[in-house]
């Protein structure tokens, strides 16, 4: 029988918690940055280059826009960013993909 140990203490001598911590920090930083980049709606193109968060640009003010500027039917009270029309697809894939679910479970829970 093993003696009781304090809360959170393990018998492992290595730093096993370092890898899940790094995954947690990396994913958290990316989520914060991508949310900020999507909602700012500015500085997402330069010349012939466009940010991947905004590509393909369906509506927007850059020359890359497929259908022109912000549509008139868009509610004025709702934030408009071309990225919000695009980012749901890769975000949904990342949240449902088997590999990424394993990384989330190990890092966040």
PDB file of N, CA and C in Angstrom:
ATOM      1  N   UNK A   1       0.840  -1.181   0.000  1.00  0.00           N
ATOM      2  CA  UNK A   1       0.000   0.000   0.000  1.00  0.00           C
ATOM      3  C   UNK A   1       0.885   1.244   0.000  1.00  0.00           C
ATOM      4  N   UNK A   2       0.556   2.170  -0.884  1.00  0.00           N
ATOM      5  CA  UNK A   2       1.324   3.408  -0.978  1.00  0.00           C
ATOM      6  C   UNK A   2       0.830   4.410   0.061  1.00  0.00           C
ATOM      7  N   UNK A   3       1.740   5.178   0.618  1.00  0.00           N
ATOM      8  CA  UNK A   3       1.312   6.201   1.580  1.00  0.00           C
ATOM      9  C   UNK A   3       0.581   7.324   0.847  1.00  0.00           C
ATOM     10  N   UNK A   4      -0.389   7.962   1.494  1.00  0.00           N
ATOM     11  CA  UNK A   4      -1.098   9.075   0.857  1.00  0.00           C
ATOM     12  C   UNK A   4      -0.143  10.241   0.588  1.00  0.00           C
ATOM     13  N   UNK A   5      -0.375  10.925  -0.510  1.00  0.00           N
ATOM     14  CA  UNK A   5       0.482  12.057  -0.871  1.00  0.00           C
ATOM     15  C   UNK A   5      -0.366  13.324  -0.971  1.00  0.00           C
ATOM     16  N   UNK A   6       0.268  14.473  -0.875  1.00  0.00           N
ATOM     17  CA  UNK A   6      -0.476  15.739  -0.982  1.00  0.00           C
ATOM     18  C   UNK A   6      -1.142  15.882  -2.352  1.00  0.00           C
ATOM     19  N   UNK A   7      -2.147  16.753  -2.406  1.00  0.00           N
ATOM     20  CA  UNK A   7      -2.896  16.978  -3.638  1.00  0.00           C
ATOM     21  C   UNK A   7      -1.968  17.449  -4.754  1.00  0.00           C
ATOM     22  N   UNK A   8      -2.081  16.823  -5.917  1.00  0.00           N
ATOM     23  CA  UNK A   8      -1.305  17.214  -7.083  1.00  0.00           C
ATOM     24  C   UNK A   8       0.080  16.616  -7.157  1.00  0.00           C
ATOM     25  N   UNK A   9       0.513  15.945  -6.138  1.00  0.00           N
ATOM     26  CA  UNK A   9       1.849  15.360  -6.149  1.00  0.00           C
ATOM     27  C   UNK A   9       1.779  13.969  -6.768  1.00  0.00           C
ATOM     28  N   UNK A  10       2.760  13.666  -7.609  1.00  0.00           N
ATOM     29  CA  UNK A  10       2.840  12.344  -8.222  1.00  0.00           C
ATOM     30  C   UNK A  10       4.169  11.714  -7.851  1.00  0.00           C
ATOM     31  N   UNK A  11       4.311  10.448  -8.208  1.00  0.00           N
ATOM     32  CA  UNK A  11       5.570   9.755  -7.944  1.00  0.00           C
ATOM     33  C   UNK A  11       6.538   9.884  -9.117  1.00  0.00           C
ATOM     34  N   UNK A  12       6.116  10.566 -10.158  1.00  0.00           N
ATOM     35  CA  UNK A  12       6.974  10.720 -11.327  1.00  0.00           C
ATOM     36  C   UNK A  12       8.031  11.778 -11.052  1.00  0.00           C
ATOM     37  N   UNK A  13       9.297  11.465 -11.326  1.00  0.00           N
ATOM     38  CA  UNK A  13      10.355  12.445 -11.089  1.00  0.00           C
ATOM     39  C   UNK A  13      10.555  13.411 -12.264  1.00  0.00           C
ATOM     40  N   UNK A  14       9.983  13.094 -13.443  1.00  0.00           N
ATOM     41  CA  UNK A  14      10.180  13.954 -14.613  1.00  0.00           C
ATOM     42  C   UNK A  14       9.148  15.087 -14.634  1.00  0.00           C
ATOM     43  N   UNK A  15       9.340  16.012 -15.552  1.00  0.00           N
ATOM     44  CA  UNK A  15       8.407  17.136 -15.688  1.00  0.00           C
ATOM     45  C   UNK A  15       7.364  16.789 -16.751  1.00  0.00           C
ATOM     46  N   UNK A  16       6.515  15.821 -16.437  1.00  0.00           N
ATOM     47  CA  UNK A  16       5.514  15.310 -17.363  1.00  0.00           C
ATOM     48  C   UNK A  16       4.499  16.366 -17.761  1.00  0.00           C
ATOM     49  N   UNK A  17       4.286  17.364 -16.940  1.00  0.00           N
ATOM     50  CA  UNK A  17       3.275  18.384 -17.152  1.00  0.00           C
ATOM     51  C   UNK A  17       3.730  19.473 -18.125  1.00  0.00           C
ATOM     52  N   UNK A  18       5.009  19.465 -18.509  1.00  0.00           N
ATOM     53  CA  UNK A  18       5.533  20.526 -19.364  1.00  0.00           C
ATOM     54  C   UNK A  18       4.919  20.489 -20.766  1.00  0.00           C
ATOM     55  N   UNK A  19       4.818  19.323 -21.376  1.00  0.00           N
ATOM     56  CA  UNK A  19       4.272  19.219 -22.735  1.00  0.00           C
ATOM     57  C   UNK A  19       2.802  19.642 -22.789  1.00  0.00           C
ATOM     58  N   UNK A  20       1.909  19.151 -21.908  1.00  0.00           N
ATOM     59  CA  UNK A  20       0.531  19.661 -21.943  1.00  0.00           C
ATOM     60  C   UNK A  20       0.444  21.164 -21.671  1.00  0.00           C
ATOM     61  N   UNK A  21       1.323  21.679 -20.816  1.00  0.00           N
ATOM     62  CA  UNK A  21       1.327  23.116 -20.545  1.00  0.00           C
ATOM     63  C   UNK A  21       1.697  23.907 -21.798  1.00  0.00           C
ATOM     64  N   UNK A  22       2.704  23.446 -22.534  1.00  0.00           N
ATOM     65  CA  UNK A  22       3.107  24.136 -23.758  1.00  0.00           C
ATOM     66  C   UNK A  22       2.015  24.077 -24.826  1.00  0.00           C
ATOM     67  N   UNK A  23       1.337  22.940 -24.941  1.00  0.00           N
ATOM     68  CA  UNK A  23       0.217  22.834 -25.886  1.00  0.00           C
ATOM     69  C   UNK A  23      -0.897  23.796 -25.474  1.00  0.00           C
ATOM     70  N   UNK A  24      -1.220  23.828 -24.202  1.00  0.00           N
ATOM     71  CA  UNK A  24      -2.249  24.738 -23.697  1.00  0.00           C
ATOM     72  C   UNK A  24      -1.892  26.189 -23.993  1.00  0.00           C
ATOM     73  N   UNK A  25      -0.653  26.582 -23.704  1.00  0.00           N
ATOM     74  CA  UNK A  25      -0.239  27.963 -23.947  1.00  0.00           C
ATOM     75  C   UNK A  25      -0.242  28.292 -25.436  1.00  0.00           C
ATOM     76  N   UNK A  26       0.273  27.378 -26.261  1.00  0.00           N
ATOM     77  CA  UNK A  26       0.301  27.613 -27.706  1.00  0.00           C
ATOM     78  C   UNK A  26      -1.089  27.757 -28.290  1.00  0.00           C
ATOM     79  N   UNK A  27      -1.998  26.856 -27.934  1.00  0.00           N
ATOM     80  CA  UNK A  27      -3.368  26.938 -28.439  1.00  0.00           C
ATOM     81  C   UNK A  27      -4.076  28.186 -27.920  1.00  0.00           C
ATOM     82  N   UNK A  28      -3.851  28.522 -26.662  1.00  0.00           N
ATOM     83  CA  UNK A  28      -4.494  29.710 -26.090  1.00  0.00           C
ATOM     84  C   UNK A  28      -4.013  30.982 -26.776  1.00  0.00           C
ATOM     85  N   UNK A  29      -2.710  31.089 -27.000  1.00  0.00           N
ATOM     86  CA  UNK A  29      -2.163  32.267 -27.679  1.00  0.00           C
ATOM     87  C   UNK A  29      -2.715  32.367 -29.092  1.00  0.00           C
ATOM     88  N   UNK A  30      -2.785  31.242 -29.792  1.00  0.00           N
ATOM     89  CA  UNK A  30      -3.319  31.267 -31.154  1.00  0.00           C
ATOM     90  C   UNK A  30      -4.791  31.662 -31.170  1.00  0.00           C
ATOM     91  N   UNK A  31      -5.573  31.159 -30.243  1.00  0.00           N
ATOM     92  CA  UNK A  31      -6.998  31.501 -30.200  1.00  0.00           C
ATOM     93  C   UNK A  31      -7.185  32.993 -29.925  1.00  0.00           C
ATOM     94  N   UNK A  32      -6.421  33.539 -28.990  1.00  0.00           N
ATOM     95  CA  UNK A  32      -6.524  34.969 -28.684  1.00  0.00           C
ATOM     96  C   UNK A  32      -6.089  35.800 -29.891  1.00  0.00           C
ATOM     97  N   UNK A  33      -4.962  35.437 -30.506  1.00  0.00           N
ATOM     98  CA  UNK A  33      -4.467  36.197 -31.659  1.00  0.00           C
ATOM     99  C   UNK A  33      -5.430  36.116 -32.837  1.00  0.00           C
ATOM    100  N   UNK A  34      -5.922  34.927 -33.151  1.00  0.00           N
ATOM    101  CA  UNK A  34      -6.799  34.791 -34.312  1.00  0.00           C
ATOM    102  C   UNK A  34      -8.129  35.511 -34.089  1.00  0.00           C
ATOM    103  N   UNK A  35      -8.622  35.524 -32.860  1.00  0.00           N
ATOM    104  CA  UNK A  35      -9.847  36.272 -32.563  1.00  0.00           C
ATOM    105  C   UNK A  35      -9.615  37.766 -32.738  1.00  0.00           C
ATOM    106  N   UNK A  36      -8.496  38.253 -32.235  1.00  0.00           N
ATOM    107  CA  UNK A  36      -8.163  39.666 -32.402  1.00  0.00           C
ATOM    108  C   UNK A  36      -7.992  40.010 -33.881  1.00  0.00           C
ATOM    109  N   UNK A  37      -7.280  39.175 -34.620  1.00  0.00           N
ATOM    110  CA  UNK A  37      -7.045  39.434 -36.044  1.00  0.00           C
ATOM    111  C   UNK A  37      -8.347  39.409 -36.832  1.00  0.00           C
ATOM    112  N   UNK A  38      -9.265  38.539 -36.461  1.00  0.00           N
ATOM    113  CA  UNK A  38     -10.537  38.455 -37.181  1.00  0.00           C
ATOM    114  C   UNK A  38     -11.425  39.662 -36.898  1.00  0.00           C
ATOM    115  N   UNK A  39     -11.468  40.128 -35.658  1.00  0.00           N
ATOM    116  CA  UNK A  39     -12.370  41.218 -35.302  1.00  0.00           C
ATOM    117  C   UNK A  39     -11.819  42.605 -35.612  1.00  0.00           C
ATOM    118  N   UNK A  40     -10.513  42.750 -35.799  1.00  0.00           N
ATOM    119  CA  UNK A  40      -9.986  44.082 -36.089  1.00  0.00           C
ATOM    120  C   UNK A  40     -10.402  44.555 -37.474  1.00  0.00           C
ATOM    121  N   UNK A  41     -10.401  43.675 -38.478  1.00  0.00           N
ATOM    122  CA  UNK A  41     -10.872  44.028 -39.814  1.00  0.00           C
ATOM    123  C   UNK A  41     -10.037  45.058 -40.547  1.00  0.00           C
ATOM    124  N   UNK A  42      -8.793  45.256 -40.147  1.00  0.00           N
ATOM    125  CA  UNK A  42      -7.916  46.230 -40.797  1.00  0.00           C
ATOM    126  C   UNK A  42      -6.552  45.603 -41.048  1.00  0.00           C
ATOM    127  N   UNK A  43      -5.802  46.208 -41.940  1.00  0.00           N
ATOM    128  CA  UNK A  43      -4.410  45.810 -42.207  1.00  0.00           C
ATOM    129  C   UNK A  43      -4.272  44.332 -42.537  1.00  0.00           C
ATOM    130  N   UNK A  44      -5.171  43.800 -43.331  1.00  0.00           N
ATOM    131  CA  UNK A  44      -5.106  42.384 -43.667  1.00  0.00           C
ATOM    132  C   UNK A  44      -4.648  42.133 -45.093  1.00  0.00           C
ATOM    133  N   UNK A  45      -4.356  43.202 -45.832  1.00  0.00           N
ATOM    134  CA  UNK A  45      -3.820  43.017 -47.179  1.00  0.00           C
ATOM    135  C   UNK A  45      -2.752  44.060 -47.450  1.00  0.00           C
ATOM    136  N   UNK A  46      -1.831  43.696 -48.332  1.00  0.00           N
ATOM    137  CA  UNK A  46      -0.777  44.601 -48.764  1.00  0.00           C
ATOM    138  C   UNK A  46      -0.421  44.226 -50.187  1.00  0.00           C
ATOM    139  N   UNK A  47      -0.693  45.110 -51.123  1.00  0.00           N
ATOM    140  CA  UNK A  47      -0.412  44.819 -52.527  1.00  0.00           C
ATOM    141  C   UNK A  47      -1.177  43.588 -52.987  1.00  0.00           C
ATOM    142  N   UNK A  48      -0.452  42.606 -53.473  1.00  0.00           N
ATOM    143  CA  UNK A  48      -1.070  41.367 -53.948  1.00  0.00           C
ATOM    144  C   UNK A  48      -1.222  40.319 -52.850  1.00  0.00           C
ATOM    145  N   UNK A  49      -0.858  40.637 -51.629  1.00  0.00           N
ATOM    146  CA  UNK A  49      -0.891  39.674 -50.533  1.00  0.00           C
ATOM    147  C   UNK A  49      -2.109  39.903 -49.646  1.00  0.00           C
ATOM    148  N   UNK A  50      -2.665  38.799 -49.162  1.00  0.00           N
ATOM    149  CA  UNK A  50      -3.810  38.871 -48.253  1.00  0.00           C
ATOM    150  C   UNK A  50      -3.588  37.874 -47.118  1.00  0.00           C
ATOM    151  N   UNK A  51      -4.009  38.240 -45.933  1.00  0.00           N
ATOM    152  CA  UNK A  51      -3.858  37.364 -44.772  1.00  0.00           C
ATOM    153  C   UNK A  51      -4.668  36.083 -44.962  1.00  0.00           C
ATOM    154  N   UNK A  52      -4.135  34.940 -44.548  1.00  0.00           N
ATOM    155  CA  UNK A  52      -4.899  33.694 -44.657  1.00  0.00           C
ATOM    156  C   UNK A  52      -6.196  33.716 -43.853  1.00  0.00           C
ATOM    157  N   UNK A  53      -6.264  34.521 -42.802  1.00  0.00           N
ATOM    158  CA  UNK A  53      -7.493  34.608 -42.015  1.00  0.00           C
ATOM    159  C   UNK A  53      -8.630  35.243 -42.810  1.00  0.00           C
ATOM    160  N   UNK A  54      -8.298  35.996 -43.829  1.00  0.00           N
ATOM    161  CA  UNK A  54      -9.302  36.722 -44.606  1.00  0.00           C
ATOM    162  C   UNK A  54      -9.501  36.143 -46.005  1.00  0.00           C
ATOM    163  N   UNK A  55      -8.864  35.053 -46.288  1.00  0.00           N
ATOM    164  CA  UNK A  55      -8.911  34.492 -47.637  1.00  0.00           C
ATOM    165  C   UNK A  55      -9.798  33.259 -47.689  1.00  0.00           C
ATOM    166  N   UNK A  56     -10.685  33.162 -48.649  1.00  0.00           N
ATOM    167  CA  UNK A  56     -10.987  34.134 -49.699  1.00  0.00           C
ATOM    168  C   UNK A  56     -11.858  35.262 -49.148  1.00  0.00           C
ATOM    169  N   UNK A  57     -11.591  36.451 -49.592  1.00  0.00           N
ATOM    170  CA  UNK A  57     -12.359  37.606 -49.126  1.00  0.00           C
ATOM    171  C   UNK A  57     -13.629  37.726 -49.961  1.00  0.00           C
ATOM    172  N   UNK A  58     -14.749  37.442 -49.349  1.00  0.00           N
ATOM    173  CA  UNK A  58     -16.028  37.471 -50.055  1.00  0.00           C
ATOM    174  C   UNK A  58     -16.514  38.912 -50.191  1.00  0.00           C
ATOM    175  N   UNK A  59     -16.626  39.624 -49.071  1.00  0.00           N
ATOM    176  CA  UNK A  59     -16.964  41.045 -49.061  1.00  0.00           C
ATOM    177  C   UNK A  59     -15.855  41.774 -48.329  1.00  0.00           C
ATOM    178  N   UNK A  60     -15.474  42.956 -48.795  1.00  0.00           N
ATOM    179  CA  UNK A  60     -14.455  43.732 -48.105  1.00  0.00           C
ATOM    180  C   UNK A  60     -13.990  44.907 -48.929  1.00  0.00           C
ATOM    181  N   UNK A  61     -13.009  45.629 -48.386  1.00  0.00           N
ATOM    182  CA  UNK A  61     -12.532  46.854 -49.021  1.00  0.00           C
ATOM    183  C   UNK A  61     -11.250  46.676 -49.817  1.00  0.00           C
ATOM    184  N   UNK A  62     -10.686  45.505 -49.848  1.00  0.00           N
ATOM    185  CA  UNK A  62      -9.434  45.297 -50.572  1.00  0.00           C
ATOM    186  C   UNK A  62      -9.711  44.945 -52.034  1.00  0.00           C
ATOM    187  N   UNK A  63      -8.694  45.013 -52.880  1.00  0.00           N
ATOM    188  CA  UNK A  63      -8.882  44.620 -54.284  1.00  0.00           C
ATOM    189  C   UNK A  63      -9.095  43.116 -54.455  1.00  0.00           C
ATOM    190  N   UNK A  64      -8.931  42.337 -53.394  1.00  0.00           N
ATOM    191  CA  UNK A  64      -9.100  40.884 -53.458  1.00  0.00           C
ATOM    192  C   UNK A  64     -10.557  40.458 -53.271  1.00  0.00           C
ATOM    193  N   UNK A  65     -11.416  41.383 -52.933  1.00  0.00           N
ATOM    194  CA  UNK A  65     -12.811  41.060 -52.631  1.00  0.00           C
ATOM    195  C   UNK A  65     -13.526  40.509 -53.857  1.00  0.00           C
ATOM    196  N   UNK A  66     -14.227  39.403 -53.673  1.00  0.00           N
ATOM    197  CA  UNK A  66     -14.952  38.771 -54.777  1.00  0.00           C
ATOM    198  C   UNK A  66     -16.219  39.529 -55.143  1.00  0.00           C
ATOM    199  N   UNK A  67     -16.968  39.987 -54.136  1.00  0.00           N
ATOM    200  CA  UNK A  67     -18.283  40.579 -54.388  1.00  0.00           C
ATOM    201  C   UNK A  67     -18.373  42.055 -54.017  1.00  0.00           C
ATOM    202  N   UNK A  68     -17.241  42.713 -53.821  1.00  0.00           N
ATOM    203  CA  UNK A  68     -17.243  44.142 -53.540  1.00  0.00           C
ATOM    204  C   UNK A  68     -17.215  44.471 -52.062  1.00  0.00           C
ATOM    205  N   UNK A  69     -17.566  45.726 -51.722  1.00  0.00           N
ATOM    206  CA  UNK A  69     -17.491  46.161 -50.320  1.00  0.00           C
ATOM    207  C   UNK A  69     -18.588  45.546 -49.458  1.00  0.00           C
ATOM    208  N   UNK A  70     -18.590  45.952 -48.211  1.00  0.00           N
ATOM    209  CA  UNK A  70     -19.580  45.449 -47.250  1.00  0.00           C
ATOM    210  C   UNK A  70     -20.990  45.612 -47.816  1.00  0.00           C
ATOM    211  N   UNK A  71     -21.805  44.567 -47.728  1.00  0.00           N
ATOM    212  CA  UNK A  71     -23.153  44.646 -48.303  1.00  0.00           C
ATOM    213  C   UNK A  71     -24.063  45.581 -47.501  1.00  0.00           C
ATOM    214  N   UNK A  72     -25.015  46.178 -48.192  1.00  0.00           N
ATOM    215  CA  UNK A  72     -25.958  47.103 -47.543  1.00  0.00           C
ATOM    216  C   UNK A  72     -26.885  46.394 -46.569  1.00  0.00           C
ATOM    217  N   UNK A  73     -27.146  45.120 -46.795  1.00  0.00           N
ATOM    218  CA  UNK A  73     -28.062  44.388 -45.929  1.00  0.00           C
ATOM    219  C   UNK A  73     -27.421  43.981 -44.602  1.00  0.00           C
ATOM    220  N   UNK A  74     -26.109  44.182 -44.452  1.00  0.00           N
ATOM    221  CA  UNK A  74     -25.433  43.822 -43.199  1.00  0.00           C
ATOM    222  C   UNK A  74     -25.896  44.770 -42.102  1.00  0.00           C
ATOM    223  N   UNK A  75     -26.376  44.271 -40.960  1.00  0.00           N
ATOM    224  CA  UNK A  75     -26.858  45.148 -39.879  1.00  0.00           C
ATOM    225  C   UNK A  75     -25.756  46.081 -39.377  1.00  0.00           C
ATOM    226  N   UNK A  76     -26.093  47.349 -39.189  1.00  0.00           N
ATOM    227  CA  UNK A  76     -25.117  48.336 -38.750  1.00  0.00           C
ATOM    228  C   UNK A  76     -24.578  48.079 -37.353  1.00  0.00           C
ATOM    229  N   UNK A  77     -25.363  47.462 -36.493  1.00  0.00           N
ATOM    230  CA  UNK A  77     -24.944  47.201 -35.113  1.00  0.00           C
ATOM    231  C   UNK A  77     -24.019  45.991 -35.003  1.00  0.00           C
ATOM    232  N   UNK A  78     -23.951  45.176 -36.049  1.00  0.00           N
ATOM    233  CA  UNK A  78     -23.140  43.960 -36.032  1.00  0.00           C
ATOM    234  C   UNK A  78     -21.758  44.239 -36.609  1.00  0.00           C
ATOM    235  N   UNK A  79     -20.720  43.843 -35.889  1.00  0.00           N
ATOM    236  CA  UNK A  79     -19.349  44.056 -36.356  1.00  0.00           C
ATOM    237  C   UNK A  79     -19.153  43.356 -37.691  1.00  0.00           C
ATOM    238  N   UNK A  80     -18.554  44.073 -38.648  1.00  0.00           N
ATOM    239  CA  UNK A  80     -18.271  43.468 -39.952  1.00  0.00           C
ATOM    240  C   UNK A  80     -16.776  43.275 -40.096  1.00  0.00           C
ATOM    241  N   UNK A  81     -16.402  42.075 -40.419  1.00  0.00           N
ATOM    242  CA  UNK A  81     -15.025  41.748 -40.748  1.00  0.00           C
ATOM    243  C   UNK A  81     -15.066  40.637 -41.781  1.00  0.00           C
ATOM    244  N   UNK A  82     -14.335  40.790 -42.887  1.00  0.00           N
ATOM    245  CA  UNK A  82     -14.329  39.727 -43.890  1.00  0.00           C
ATOM    246  C   UNK A  82     -13.902  38.377 -43.316  1.00  0.00           C
ATOM    247  N   UNK A  83     -13.082  38.386 -42.278  1.00  0.00           N
ATOM    248  CA  UNK A  83     -12.609  37.131 -41.690  1.00  0.00           C
ATOM    249  C   UNK A  83     -13.736  36.350 -41.032  1.00  0.00           C
ATOM    250  N   UNK A  84     -14.737  37.031 -40.513  1.00  0.00           N
ATOM    251  CA  UNK A  84     -15.833  36.335 -39.844  1.00  0.00           C
ATOM    252  C   UNK A  84     -16.661  35.508 -40.817  1.00  0.00           C
ATOM    253  N   UNK A  85     -16.608  35.859 -42.105  1.00  0.00           N
ATOM    254  CA  UNK A  85     -17.326  35.090 -43.113  1.00  0.00           C
ATOM    255  C   UNK A  85     -16.555  33.845 -43.533  1.00  0.00           C
ATOM    256  N   UNK A  86     -15.284  33.746 -43.145  1.00  0.00           N
ATOM    257  CA  UNK A  86     -14.415  32.662 -43.604  1.00  0.00           C
ATOM    258  C   UNK A  86     -13.947  31.758 -42.464  1.00  0.00           C
ATOM    259  N   UNK A  87     -13.609  32.325 -41.313  1.00  0.00           N
ATOM    260  CA  UNK A  87     -12.921  31.570 -40.259  1.00  0.00           C
ATOM    261  C   UNK A  87     -13.744  30.478 -39.600  1.00  0.00           C
ATOM    262  N   UNK A  88     -15.044  30.477 -39.742  1.00  0.00           N
ATOM    263  CA  UNK A  88     -15.854  29.428 -39.127  1.00  0.00           C
ATOM    264  C   UNK A  88     -15.500  28.059 -39.698  1.00  0.00           C
ATOM    265  N   UNK A  89     -15.112  27.986 -40.962  1.00  0.00           N
ATOM    266  CA  UNK A  89     -14.828  26.683 -41.584  1.00  0.00           C
ATOM    267  C   UNK A  89     -13.563  26.035 -41.018  1.00  0.00           C
ATOM    268  N   UNK A  90     -12.384  26.698 -41.054  1.00  0.00           N
ATOM    269  CA  UNK A  90     -11.214  26.043 -40.460  1.00  0.00           C
ATOM    270  C   UNK A  90     -11.326  25.900 -38.944  1.00  0.00           C
ATOM    271  N   UNK A  91     -12.004  26.847 -38.288  1.00  0.00           N
ATOM    272  CA  UNK A  91     -12.201  26.717 -36.846  1.00  0.00           C
ATOM    273  C   UNK A  91     -13.040  25.508 -36.501  1.00  0.00           C
ATOM    274  N   UNK A  92     -14.098  25.292 -37.264  1.00  0.00           N
ATOM    275  CA  UNK A  92     -14.929  24.104 -37.047  1.00  0.00           C
ATOM    276  C   UNK A  92     -14.178  22.822 -37.309  1.00  0.00           C
ATOM    277  N   UNK A  93     -13.327  22.829 -38.330  1.00  0.00           N
ATOM    278  CA  UNK A  93     -12.523  21.642 -38.612  1.00  0.00           C
ATOM    279  C   UNK A  93     -11.562  21.351 -37.470  1.00  0.00           C
ATOM    280  N   UNK A  94     -10.914  22.383 -36.967  1.00  0.00           N
ATOM    281  CA  UNK A  94      -9.950  22.180 -35.881  1.00  0.00           C
ATOM    282  C   UNK A  94     -10.636  21.655 -34.620  1.00  0.00           C
ATOM    283  N   UNK A  95     -11.822  22.141 -34.347  1.00  0.00           N
ATOM    284  CA  UNK A  95     -12.517  21.715 -33.131  1.00  0.00           C
ATOM    285  C   UNK A  95     -13.111  20.319 -33.243  1.00  0.00           C
ATOM    286  N   UNK A  96     -13.306  19.821 -34.460  1.00  0.00           N
ATOM    287  CA  UNK A  96     -13.904  18.497 -34.621  1.00  0.00           C
ATOM    288  C   UNK A  96     -12.914  17.441 -35.089  1.00  0.00           C
ATOM    289  N   UNK A  97     -11.730  17.831 -35.496  1.00  0.00           N
ATOM    290  CA  UNK A  97     -10.748  16.872 -36.005  1.00  0.00           C
ATOM    291  C   UNK A  97     -10.244  15.989 -34.861  1.00  0.00           C
ATOM    292  N   UNK A  98     -10.109  14.718 -35.122  1.00  0.00           N
ATOM    293  CA  UNK A  98      -9.728  13.750 -34.097  1.00  0.00           C
ATOM    294  C   UNK A  98      -8.393  14.098 -33.452  1.00  0.00           C
ATOM    295  N   UNK A  99      -7.390  14.424 -34.244  1.00  0.00           N
ATOM    296  CA  UNK A  99      -6.065  14.719 -33.697  1.00  0.00           C
ATOM    297  C   UNK A  99      -6.121  15.924 -32.764  1.00  0.00           C
ATOM    298  N   UNK A 100      -6.779  16.980 -33.199  1.00  0.00           N
ATOM    299  CA  UNK A 100      -6.828  18.183 -32.388  1.00  0.00           C
ATOM    300  C   UNK A 100      -7.654  17.988 -31.126  1.00  0.00           C
ATOM    301  N   UNK A 101      -8.704  17.173 -31.208  1.00  0.00           N
ATOM    302  CA  UNK A 101      -9.475  16.892 -29.992  1.00  0.00           C
ATOM    303  C   UNK A 101      -8.585  16.260 -28.935  1.00  0.00           C
ATOM    304  N   UNK A 102      -7.718  15.339 -29.344  1.00  0.00           N
ATOM    305  CA  UNK A 102      -6.794  14.727 -28.394  1.00  0.00           C
ATOM    306  C   UNK A 102      -5.877  15.760 -27.765  1.00  0.00           C
ATOM    307  N   UNK A 103      -5.384  16.696 -28.573  1.00  0.00           N
ATOM    308  CA  UNK A 103      -4.514  17.745 -28.039  1.00  0.00           C
ATOM    309  C   UNK A 103      -5.282  18.643 -27.078  1.00  0.00           C
ATOM    310  N   UNK A 104      -6.529  18.989 -27.412  1.00  0.00           N
ATOM    311  CA  UNK A 104      -7.328  19.819 -26.515  1.00  0.00           C
ATOM    312  C   UNK A 104      -7.572  19.107 -25.191  1.00  0.00           C
ATOM    313  N   UNK A 105      -7.948  17.833 -25.263  1.00  0.00           N
ATOM    314  CA  UNK A 105      -8.246  17.093 -24.044  1.00  0.00           C
ATOM    315  C   UNK A 105      -7.026  17.017 -23.140  1.00  0.00           C
ATOM    316  N   UNK A 106      -5.859  16.809 -23.726  1.00  0.00           N
ATOM    317  CA  UNK A 106      -4.646  16.700 -22.916  1.00  0.00           C
ATOM    318  C   UNK A 106      -4.236  18.044 -22.333  1.00  0.00           C
ATOM    319  N   UNK A 107      -4.482  19.121 -23.059  1.00  0.00           N
ATOM    320  CA  UNK A 107      -4.015  20.429 -22.612  1.00  0.00           C
ATOM    321  C   UNK A 107      -5.024  21.161 -21.734  1.00  0.00           C
ATOM    322  N   UNK A 108      -6.295  21.109 -22.090  1.00  0.00           N
ATOM    323  CA  UNK A 108      -7.287  21.919 -21.390  1.00  0.00           C
ATOM    324  C   UNK A 108      -8.006  21.188 -20.266  1.00  0.00           C
ATOM    325  N   UNK A 109      -8.063  19.854 -20.315  1.00  0.00           N
ATOM    326  CA  UNK A 109      -8.795  19.124 -19.276  1.00  0.00           C
ATOM    327  C   UNK A 109      -7.906  18.205 -18.520  1.00  0.00           C
TER     328      UNK A 109
END
